[in-house]
Amino acid sequence: MITIDRLEPERLAGVKGLFSDLDGTISTAGKVGPRAFAALWQLHEAGLHLVVVTGRPAGWCDHIARFWPVDAVVGENGGFYFFHDGRRMQRRYLYDDAQRQNFRRRIEAVGEEILRQVPGARIAADQLYREYDLAIDFCEDVTPLPMAQVLRIKEIFEKAGANAKISSIHVNGWYGEFDKLTTMRLYAQERLGTDLDAEREAFVFCGDSPNDEPMFGFFPLSFGMANVRGFLSLMRRRPAFVTTQPCGAGFRQVADLVLRARAHQEAE
């Protein structure tokens, strides 16, 4: 990883959009601060295409897509994308209602096994609003668990044939073939008419934890917030760059670089 202060500004001159994780990236200690939220508005007003790419549930994503200055939200680690078309909410699920219900029944049984085997683990408070996955809280509303127990949760999911990803607060498990990157590719194709494989350098990605690995490994302009360093031992694919500040302050650093590059380009 290269620290953000060593990034050549001209590499950001052609950036068309910014995709970002939420928890521990835009937010800090569970809150979206004024400088990070203002950065979203400034990026939006500068004409950047903005997508939040998160493990958070459908209920949260509906709110974000309606009320935040973003073009879309990819939620539950890629199970869907939501956007507001100016008149109403549009929801693009990768699997239909019957399939999602089947996935939920299967993953709930895995959750019962996790709670039996991992003392201190709890079902996440936002579980009620999820369409696909099961979120196991290891530090958001519970006493933080040792990493060995977090890894044990992931192992139980995977032994049951589920996908599992560790975020900064939850271990998410789900059935279905998707992750953050597969659904970002779909979104770019369907909504932007863009082949991300051909234009990966036209978009910036910001994240902070192992569930962002697919995006880190794909985008040359991927940025880990400084707090990503706490997860590096769990990651095979790391961000290309790392901010000097954690969480929302790091996100502000990236936004400022992108905005300056855009302003410079427009001034030429």
C-alpha atoms as a PDB file:
ATOM      1  CA  MET A   1       0.000   0.000   0.000  1.00  0.00           C
ATOM      2  CA  ILE A   2       1.108   3.539  -0.740  1.00  0.00           C
ATOM      3  CA  THR A   3       0.194   6.393   1.591  1.00  0.00           C
ATOM      4  CA  ILE A   4      -2.206   8.887   0.089  1.00  0.00           C
ATOM      5  CA  ASP A   5       0.328  11.740   0.207  1.00  0.00           C
ATOM      6  CA  ARG A   6       2.429   9.901  -2.392  1.00  0.00           C
ATOM      7  CA  LEU A   7      -0.375   9.637  -4.950  1.00  0.00           C
ATOM      8  CA  GLU A   8       0.281  11.561  -8.160  1.00  0.00           C
ATOM      9  CA  PRO A   9      -2.709  13.982  -8.435  1.00  0.00           C
ATOM     10  CA  GLU A  10      -2.900  13.567 -12.211  1.00  0.00           C
ATOM     11  CA  ARG A  11      -4.037   9.960 -11.716  1.00  0.00           C
ATOM     12  CA  LEU A  12      -7.348  11.340 -10.424  1.00  0.00           C
ATOM     13  CA  ALA A  13      -7.920  13.762 -13.298  1.00  0.00           C
ATOM     14  CA  GLY A  14     -10.171  11.415 -15.259  1.00  0.00           C
ATOM     15  CA  VAL A  15     -12.210  10.063 -12.348  1.00  0.00           C
ATOM     16  CA  LYS A  16     -15.929   9.884 -13.127  1.00  0.00           C
ATOM     17  CA  GLY A  17     -17.240   8.449  -9.893  1.00  0.00           C
ATOM     18  CA  LEU A  18     -16.575   7.291  -6.376  1.00  0.00           C
ATOM     19  CA  PHE A  19     -17.822   4.075  -4.780  1.00  0.00           C
ATOM     20  CA  SER A  20     -17.550   3.753  -1.014  1.00  0.00           C
ATOM     21  CA  ASP A  21     -18.176   1.453   1.895  1.00  0.00           C
ATOM     22  CA  LEU A  22     -20.121   2.983   4.798  1.00  0.00           C
ATOM     23  CA  ASP A  23     -19.162   1.726   8.273  1.00  0.00           C
ATOM     24  CA  GLY A  24     -15.661   2.734   9.281  1.00  0.00           C
ATOM     25  CA  THR A  25     -15.220   4.494   5.946  1.00  0.00           C
ATOM     26  CA  ILE A  26     -17.781   7.292   5.690  1.00  0.00           C
ATOM     27  CA  SER A  27     -18.801   6.819   9.326  1.00  0.00           C
ATOM     28  CA  THR A  28     -16.687   7.210  12.452  1.00  0.00           C
ATOM     29  CA  ALA A  29     -17.605   5.325  15.633  1.00  0.00           C
ATOM     30  CA  GLY A  30     -21.095   4.726  14.301  1.00  0.00           C
ATOM     31  CA  LYS A  31     -21.812   8.301  13.212  1.00  0.00           C
ATOM     32  CA  VAL A  32     -21.539  10.067   9.848  1.00  0.00           C
ATOM     33  CA  GLY A  33     -19.788  13.288  10.769  1.00  0.00           C
ATOM     34  CA  PRO A  34     -20.416  16.689   9.176  1.00  0.00           C
ATOM     35  CA  ARG A  35     -17.168  16.805   7.187  1.00  0.00           C
ATOM     36  CA  ALA A  36     -17.667  13.362   5.680  1.00  0.00           C
ATOM     37  CA  PHE A  37     -21.294  14.065   4.824  1.00  0.00           C
ATOM     38  CA  ALA A  38     -20.372  17.449   3.372  1.00  0.00           C
ATOM     39  CA  ALA A  39     -17.801  15.647   1.215  1.00  0.00           C
ATOM     40  CA  LEU A  40     -20.588  13.544  -0.297  1.00  0.00           C
ATOM     41  CA  TRP A  41     -22.544  16.685  -1.186  1.00  0.00           C
ATOM     42  CA  GLN A  42     -19.472  18.334  -2.684  1.00  0.00           C
ATOM     43  CA  LEU A  43     -18.676  15.271  -4.782  1.00  0.00           C
ATOM     44  CA  HIS A  44     -22.298  15.108  -5.918  1.00  0.00           C
ATOM     45  CA  GLU A  45     -22.385  18.798  -6.833  1.00  0.00           C
ATOM     46  CA  ALA A  46     -19.109  18.402  -8.738  1.00  0.00           C
ATOM     47  CA  GLY A  47     -20.803  15.837 -10.973  1.00  0.00           C
ATOM     48  CA  LEU A  48     -19.186  12.660  -9.615  1.00  0.00           C
ATOM     49  CA  HIS A  49     -21.265   9.474  -9.774  1.00  0.00           C
ATOM     50  CA  LEU A  50     -21.614   8.228  -6.177  1.00  0.00           C
ATOM     51  CA  VAL A  51     -22.541   4.752  -4.969  1.00  0.00           C
ATOM     52  CA  VAL A  52     -22.493   3.494  -1.375  1.00  0.00           C
ATOM     53  CA  VAL A  53     -21.413  -0.173  -1.347  1.00  0.00           C
ATOM     54  CA  THR A  54     -22.176  -1.687   2.042  1.00  0.00           C
ATOM     55  CA  GLY A  55     -22.998  -4.767   4.058  1.00  0.00           C
ATOM     56  CA  ARG A  56     -25.866  -2.909   5.710  1.00  0.00           C
ATOM     57  CA  PRO A  57     -29.460  -4.115   5.230  1.00  0.00           C
ATOM     58  CA  ALA A  58     -32.095  -3.317   2.634  1.00  0.00           C
ATOM     59  CA  GLY A  59     -34.008  -1.114   5.076  1.00  0.00           C
ATOM     60  CA  TRP A  60     -31.000   1.136   5.590  1.00  0.00           C
ATOM     61  CA  CYS A  61     -30.224   1.164   1.864  1.00  0.00           C
ATOM     62  CA  ASP A  62     -33.741   2.341   1.021  1.00  0.00           C
ATOM     63  CA  HIS A  63     -33.243   5.317   3.320  1.00  0.00           C
ATOM     64  CA  ILE A  64     -29.772   6.136   1.974  1.00  0.00           C
ATOM     65  CA  ALA A  65     -30.887   5.942  -1.658  1.00  0.00           C
ATOM     66  CA  ARG A  66     -33.821   8.276  -0.923  1.00  0.00           C
ATOM     67  CA  PHE A  67     -32.206  10.899   1.275  1.00  0.00           C
ATOM     68  CA  TRP A  68     -28.458  10.970   0.695  1.00  0.00           C
ATOM     69  CA  PRO A  69     -26.689  12.735  -2.208  1.00  0.00           C
ATOM     70  CA  VAL A  70     -25.864   9.435  -3.914  1.00  0.00           C
ATOM     71  CA  ASP A  71     -26.879   7.858  -7.196  1.00  0.00           C
ATOM     72  CA  ALA A  72     -27.391   4.351  -5.817  1.00  0.00           C
ATOM     73  CA  VAL A  73     -26.702   1.956  -2.977  1.00  0.00           C
ATOM     74  CA  VAL A  74     -25.399  -1.602  -3.280  1.00  0.00           C
ATOM     75  CA  GLY A  75     -26.412  -3.426  -0.104  1.00  0.00           C
ATOM     76  CA  GLU A  76     -25.981  -6.630   1.878  1.00  0.00           C
ATOM     77  CA  ASN A  77     -22.567  -7.172   0.286  1.00  0.00           C
ATOM     78  CA  GLY A  78     -24.017  -7.216  -3.224  1.00  0.00           C
ATOM     79  CA  GLY A  79     -27.460  -8.813  -2.916  1.00  0.00           C
ATOM     80  CA  PHE A  80     -29.128  -5.867  -4.657  1.00  0.00           C
ATOM     81  CA  TYR A  81     -28.820  -2.279  -5.716  1.00  0.00           C
ATOM     82  CA  PHE A  82     -31.370   0.468  -5.033  1.00  0.00           C
ATOM     83  CA  PHE A  83     -31.695   3.866  -6.672  1.00  0.00           C
ATOM     84  CA  HIS A  84     -34.251   6.658  -6.781  1.00  0.00           C
ATOM     85  CA  ASP A  85     -35.219   7.636 -10.314  1.00  0.00           C
ATOM     86  CA  GLY A  86     -36.598  11.049  -9.349  1.00  0.00           C
ATOM     87  CA  ARG A  87     -40.119   9.748  -8.872  1.00  0.00           C
ATOM     88  CA  ARG A  88     -39.884   6.480  -6.972  1.00  0.00           C
ATOM     89  CA  MET A  89     -37.503   3.900  -5.537  1.00  0.00           C
ATOM     90  CA  GLN A  90     -36.198   1.248  -7.886  1.00  0.00           C
ATOM     91  CA  ARG A  91     -34.954  -2.034  -6.432  1.00  0.00           C
ATOM     92  CA  ARG A  92     -32.842  -4.500  -8.418  1.00  0.00           C
ATOM     93  CA  TYR A  93     -32.470  -7.841  -6.604  1.00  0.00           C
ATOM     94  CA  LEU A  94     -30.168 -10.560  -7.866  1.00  0.00           C
ATOM     95  CA  TYR A  95     -32.620 -13.266  -6.711  1.00  0.00           C
ATOM     96  CA  ASP A  96     -36.436 -13.298  -6.609  1.00  0.00           C
ATOM     97  CA  ASP A  97     -38.660 -13.331  -3.509  1.00  0.00           C
ATOM     98  CA  ALA A  98     -38.934 -17.115  -3.266  1.00  0.00           C
ATOM     99  CA  GLN A  99     -35.192 -17.590  -3.553  1.00  0.00           C
ATOM    100  CA  ARG A 100     -34.498 -14.923  -0.940  1.00  0.00           C
ATOM    101  CA  GLN A 101     -36.950 -16.540   1.469  1.00  0.00           C
ATOM    102  CA  ASN A 102     -35.231 -19.890   0.986  1.00  0.00           C
ATOM    103  CA  PHE A 103     -31.828 -18.311   1.568  1.00  0.00           C
ATOM    104  CA  ARG A 104     -33.079 -16.699   4.801  1.00  0.00           C
ATOM    105  CA  ARG A 105     -34.492 -19.956   6.174  1.00  0.00           C
ATOM    106  CA  ARG A 106     -31.210 -21.741   5.534  1.00  0.00           C
ATOM    107  CA  ILE A 107     -29.004 -19.001   6.969  1.00  0.00           C
ATOM    108  CA  GLU A 108     -31.139 -18.654  10.123  1.00  0.00           C
ATOM    109  CA  ALA A 109     -30.335 -22.257  11.005  1.00  0.00           C
ATOM    110  CA  VAL A 110     -26.628 -21.465  10.668  1.00  0.00           C
ATOM    111  CA  GLY A 111     -27.107 -18.490  12.951  1.00  0.00           C
ATOM    112  CA  GLU A 112     -28.521 -20.710  15.680  1.00  0.00           C
ATOM    113  CA  GLU A 113     -25.394 -22.858  15.467  1.00  0.00           C
ATOM    114  CA  ILE A 114     -23.143 -19.790  15.690  1.00  0.00           C
ATOM    115  CA  LEU A 115     -24.886 -18.536  18.827  1.00  0.00           C
ATOM    116  CA  ARG A 116     -24.470 -21.970  20.419  1.00  0.00           C
ATOM    117  CA  GLN A 117     -20.792 -22.230  19.596  1.00  0.00           C
ATOM    118  CA  VAL A 118     -19.521 -18.640  20.005  1.00  0.00           C
ATOM    119  CA  PRO A 119     -20.216 -17.106  23.419  1.00  0.00           C
ATOM    120  CA  GLY A 120     -20.812 -13.368  23.276  1.00  0.00           C
ATOM    121  CA  ALA A 121     -21.884 -13.312  19.622  1.00  0.00           C
ATOM    122  CA  ARG A 122     -25.296 -11.829  18.891  1.00  0.00           C
ATOM    123  CA  ILE A 123     -27.578 -11.354  15.916  1.00  0.00           C
ATOM    124  CA  ALA A 124     -27.049  -7.782  14.685  1.00  0.00           C
ATOM    125  CA  ALA A 125     -29.636  -5.198  15.677  1.00  0.00           C
ATOM    126  CA  ASP A 126     -30.338  -4.395  12.024  1.00  0.00           C
ATOM    127  CA  GLN A 127     -31.200  -8.008  11.111  1.00  0.00           C
ATOM    128  CA  LEU A 128     -34.932  -7.264  10.912  1.00  0.00           C
ATOM    129  CA  TYR A 129     -34.335  -5.124   7.825  1.00  0.00           C
ATOM    130  CA  ARG A 130     -32.314  -7.658   5.805  1.00  0.00           C
ATOM    131  CA  GLU A 131     -33.365  -9.469   2.634  1.00  0.00           C
ATOM    132  CA  TYR A 132     -30.599 -12.044   2.217  1.00  0.00           C
ATOM    133  CA  ASP A 133     -27.951 -12.339   4.818  1.00  0.00           C
ATOM    134  CA  LEU A 134     -27.435 -12.962   8.496  1.00  0.00           C
ATOM    135  CA  ALA A 135     -25.304 -10.406  10.321  1.00  0.00           C
ATOM    136  CA  ILE A 136     -23.521 -11.521  13.473  1.00  0.00           C
ATOM    137  CA  ASP A 137     -22.465  -8.623  15.675  1.00  0.00           C
ATOM    138  CA  PHE A 138     -18.968  -8.909  17.122  1.00  0.00           C
ATOM    139  CA  CYS A 139     -18.394  -5.322  18.303  1.00  0.00           C
ATOM    140  CA  GLU A 140     -21.163  -2.877  17.341  1.00  0.00           C
ATOM    141  CA  ASP A 141     -23.637  -3.425  20.203  1.00  0.00           C
ATOM    142  CA  VAL A 142     -21.817  -6.179  22.089  1.00  0.00           C
ATOM    143  CA  THR A 143     -18.582  -6.414  24.029  1.00  0.00           C
ATOM    144  CA  PRO A 144     -15.912  -6.806  21.313  1.00  0.00           C
ATOM    145  CA  LEU A 145     -15.011 -10.430  20.654  1.00  0.00           C
ATOM    146  CA  PRO A 146     -11.440 -11.661  20.238  1.00  0.00           C
ATOM    147  CA  MET A 147     -10.443 -12.118  16.608  1.00  0.00           C
ATOM    148  CA  ALA A 148     -10.233 -15.888  17.123  1.00  0.00           C
ATOM    149  CA  GLN A 149     -13.970 -15.937  17.833  1.00  0.00           C
ATOM    150  CA  VAL A 150     -14.706 -13.670  14.859  1.00  0.00           C
ATOM    151  CA  LEU A 151     -12.838 -16.106  12.636  1.00  0.00           C
ATOM    152  CA  ARG A 152     -14.768 -18.975  14.213  1.00  0.00           C
ATOM    153  CA  ILE A 153     -18.047 -17.312  13.189  1.00  0.00           C
ATOM    154  CA  LYS A 154     -16.790 -17.039   9.628  1.00  0.00           C
ATOM    155  CA  GLU A 155     -15.702 -20.683   9.691  1.00  0.00           C
ATOM    156  CA  ILE A 156     -19.152 -21.898  10.815  1.00  0.00           C
ATOM    157  CA  PHE A 157     -20.810 -19.979   7.984  1.00  0.00           C
ATOM    158  CA  GLU A 158     -18.415 -21.446   5.435  1.00  0.00           C
ATOM    159  CA  LYS A 159     -18.759 -25.011   6.728  1.00  0.00           C
ATOM    160  CA  ALA A 160     -22.499 -24.664   6.090  1.00  0.00           C
ATOM    161  CA  GLY A 161     -21.765 -23.758   2.470  1.00  0.00           C
ATOM    162  CA  ALA A 162     -22.498 -20.062   2.915  1.00  0.00           C
ATOM    163  CA  ASN A 163     -20.447 -17.085   1.833  1.00  0.00           C
ATOM    164  CA  ALA A 164     -19.007 -15.134   4.748  1.00  0.00           C
ATOM    165  CA  LYS A 165     -17.274 -11.772   5.011  1.00  0.00           C
ATOM    166  CA  ILE A 166     -15.901  -9.870   7.971  1.00  0.00           C
ATOM    167  CA  SER A 167     -16.707  -6.160   8.116  1.00  0.00           C
ATOM    168  CA  SER A 168     -15.552  -3.698  10.738  1.00  0.00           C
ATOM    169  CA  ILE A 169     -18.534  -4.590  12.964  1.00  0.00           C
ATOM    170  CA  HIS A 170     -20.248  -7.780  11.728  1.00  0.00           C
ATOM    171  CA  VAL A 171     -19.627 -11.127  10.147  1.00  0.00           C
ATOM    172  CA  ASN A 172     -22.119 -11.415   7.305  1.00  0.00           C
ATOM    173  CA  GLY A 173     -23.156 -14.798   5.943  1.00  0.00           C
ATOM    174  CA  TRP A 174     -25.361 -15.458   2.922  1.00  0.00           C
ATOM    175  CA  TYR A 175     -26.347 -17.901   0.208  1.00  0.00           C
ATOM    176  CA  GLY A 176     -26.247 -16.776  -3.398  1.00  0.00           C
ATOM    177  CA  GLU A 177     -23.468 -16.005  -5.828  1.00  0.00           C
ATOM    178  CA  PHE A 178     -22.543 -12.367  -5.353  1.00  0.00           C
ATOM    179  CA  ASP A 179     -20.248  -9.946  -3.589  1.00  0.00           C
ATOM    180  CA  LYS A 180     -19.737  -6.198  -3.676  1.00  0.00           C
ATOM    181  CA  LEU A 181     -17.804  -6.291  -6.939  1.00  0.00           C
ATOM    182  CA  THR A 182     -20.133  -8.553  -8.934  1.00  0.00           C
ATOM    183  CA  THR A 183     -23.074  -6.267  -8.235  1.00  0.00           C
ATOM    184  CA  MET A 184     -21.072  -3.106  -8.905  1.00  0.00           C
ATOM    185  CA  ARG A 185     -20.238  -4.580 -12.317  1.00  0.00           C
ATOM    186  CA  LEU A 186     -23.937  -5.269 -12.910  1.00  0.00           C
ATOM    187  CA  TYR A 187     -24.937  -1.798 -11.778  1.00  0.00           C
ATOM    188  CA  ALA A 188     -22.341  -0.130 -14.010  1.00  0.00           C
ATOM    189  CA  GLN A 189     -23.504  -2.132 -17.006  1.00  0.00           C
ATOM    190  CA  GLU A 190     -27.237  -1.665 -16.449  1.00  0.00           C
ATOM    191  CA  ARG A 191     -27.345   1.914 -15.190  1.00  0.00           C
ATOM    192  CA  LEU A 192     -24.241   3.574 -16.605  1.00  0.00           C
ATOM    193  CA  GLY A 193     -23.706   1.564 -19.773  1.00  0.00           C
ATOM    194  CA  THR A 194     -20.156   1.069 -18.536  1.00  0.00           C
ATOM    195  CA  ASP A 195     -17.890  -1.961 -18.661  1.00  0.00           C
ATOM    196  CA  LEU A 196     -16.017  -1.644 -15.372  1.00  0.00           C
ATOM    197  CA  ASP A 197     -13.293  -3.988 -16.569  1.00  0.00           C
ATOM    198  CA  ALA A 198     -12.504  -1.548 -19.365  1.00  0.00           C
ATOM    199  CA  GLU A 199     -12.894   1.592 -17.236  1.00  0.00           C
ATOM    200  CA  ARG A 200     -11.738   0.558 -13.803  1.00  0.00           C
ATOM    201  CA  GLU A 201      -9.350   3.555 -13.575  1.00  0.00           C
ATOM    202  CA  ALA A 202     -12.269   5.959 -14.012  1.00  0.00           C
ATOM    203  CA  PHE A 203     -13.647   5.128 -10.557  1.00  0.00           C
ATOM    204  CA  VAL A 204     -12.317   5.445  -7.025  1.00  0.00           C
ATOM    205  CA  PHE A 205     -13.214   2.986  -4.267  1.00  0.00           C
ATOM    206  CA  CYS A 206     -12.955   3.638  -0.517  1.00  0.00           C
ATOM    207  CA  GLY A 207     -13.189   0.937   2.147  1.00  0.00           C
ATOM    208  CA  ASP A 208     -11.805  -0.297   5.428  1.00  0.00           C
ATOM    209  CA  SER A 209     -12.215  -4.039   6.039  1.00  0.00           C
ATOM    210  CA  PRO A 210     -12.062  -7.588   4.620  1.00  0.00           C
ATOM    211  CA  ASN A 211     -15.501  -7.469   2.992  1.00  0.00           C
ATOM    212  CA  ASP A 212     -14.041  -4.777   0.723  1.00  0.00           C
ATOM    213  CA  GLU A 213     -11.354  -7.112  -0.644  1.00  0.00           C
ATOM    214  CA  PRO A 214     -13.073  -7.754  -4.011  1.00  0.00           C
ATOM    215  CA  MET A 215     -13.174  -4.001  -4.625  1.00  0.00           C
ATOM    216  CA  PHE A 216      -9.652  -3.394  -3.329  1.00  0.00           C
ATOM    217  CA  GLY A 217      -8.301  -6.053  -5.649  1.00  0.00           C
ATOM    218  CA  PHE A 218     -10.138  -4.708  -8.690  1.00  0.00           C
ATOM    219  CA  PHE A 219      -9.797  -0.927  -8.670  1.00  0.00           C
ATOM    220  CA  PRO A 220      -6.331   0.583  -9.220  1.00  0.00           C
ATOM    221  CA  LEU A 221      -7.559   3.689  -7.396  1.00  0.00           C
ATOM    222  CA  SER A 222      -8.673   1.885  -4.252  1.00  0.00           C
ATOM    223  CA  PHE A 223      -8.209   3.609  -0.908  1.00  0.00           C
ATOM    224  CA  GLY A 224      -8.207   2.010   2.506  1.00  0.00           C
ATOM    225  CA  MET A 225      -8.940   4.251   5.448  1.00  0.00           C
ATOM    226  CA  ALA A 226      -6.081   4.218   7.975  1.00  0.00           C
ATOM    227  CA  ASN A 227      -8.100   1.860  10.193  1.00  0.00           C
ATOM    228  CA  VAL A 228      -7.810  -0.841   7.517  1.00  0.00           C
ATOM    229  CA  ARG A 229      -4.394  -1.612   8.996  1.00  0.00           C
ATOM    230  CA  GLY A 230      -6.118  -3.479  11.814  1.00  0.00           C
ATOM    231  CA  PHE A 231      -7.438  -6.039   9.311  1.00  0.00           C
ATOM    232  CA  LEU A 232      -4.456  -6.495   7.002  1.00  0.00           C
ATOM    233  CA  SER A 233      -3.508  -9.864   8.492  1.00  0.00           C
ATOM    234  CA  LEU A 234      -6.900 -11.189   7.318  1.00  0.00           C
ATOM    235  CA  MET A 235      -6.643  -9.824   3.787  1.00  0.00           C
ATOM    236  CA  ARG A 236      -5.007 -11.161   0.661  1.00  0.00           C
ATOM    237  CA  ARG A 237      -6.067  -8.239  -1.533  1.00  0.00           C
ATOM    238  CA  ARG A 238      -5.212  -4.855  -0.106  1.00  0.00           C
ATOM    239  CA  PRO A 239      -6.031  -1.304  -1.168  1.00  0.00           C
ATOM    240  CA  ALA A 240      -3.597   0.406  -3.512  1.00  0.00           C
ATOM    241  CA  PHE A 241      -3.449   3.460  -1.243  1.00  0.00           C
ATOM    242  CA  VAL A 242      -4.057   4.156   2.425  1.00  0.00           C
ATOM    243  CA  THR A 243      -5.134   7.409   4.055  1.00  0.00           C
ATOM    244  CA  THR A 244      -3.257   8.938   6.971  1.00  0.00           C
ATOM    245  CA  GLN A 245      -6.506   9.556   8.861  1.00  0.00           C
ATOM    246  CA  PRO A 246      -9.041   6.894   9.928  1.00  0.00           C
ATOM    247  CA  CYS A 247     -12.707   6.470   9.062  1.00  0.00           C
ATOM    248  CA  GLY A 248     -14.630   9.587   8.005  1.00  0.00           C
ATOM    249  CA  ALA A 249     -11.557  11.822   8.212  1.00  0.00           C
ATOM    250  CA  GLY A 250      -9.798   9.496   5.780  1.00  0.00           C
ATOM    251  CA  PHE A 251     -12.806   9.595   3.473  1.00  0.00           C
ATOM    252  CA  ARG A 252     -12.622  13.388   3.565  1.00  0.00           C
ATOM    253  CA  GLN A 253      -8.953  13.163   2.526  1.00  0.00           C
ATOM    254  CA  VAL A 254      -9.836  11.101  -0.537  1.00  0.00           C
ATOM    255  CA  ALA A 255     -12.763  13.351  -1.439  1.00  0.00           C
ATOM    256  CA  ASP A 256     -10.565  16.451  -1.231  1.00  0.00           C
ATOM    257  CA  LEU A 257      -7.983  14.917  -3.573  1.00  0.00           C
ATOM    258  CA  VAL A 258     -10.664  13.959  -6.100  1.00  0.00           C
ATOM    259  CA  LEU A 259     -12.309  17.377  -5.917  1.00  0.00           C
ATOM    260  CA  ARG A 260      -9.014  19.211  -6.399  1.00  0.00           C
ATOM    261  CA  ALA A 261      -8.118  17.040  -9.384  1.00  0.00           C
ATOM    262  CA  ARG A 262     -11.530  17.683 -10.940  1.00  0.00           C
ATOM    263  CA  ALA A 263     -11.314  21.432 -10.366  1.00  0.00           C
ATOM    264  CA  HIS A 264      -7.829  21.513 -11.887  1.00  0.00           C
ATOM    265  CA  GLN A 265      -9.008  19.572 -14.932  1.00  0.00           C
ATOM    266  CA  GLU A 266     -11.960  21.896 -15.472  1.00  0.00           C
ATOM    267  CA  ALA A 267      -9.717  24.969 -15.138  1.00  0.00           C
ATOM    268  CA  GLU A 268      -7.444  23.818 -17.986  1.00  0.00           C
END
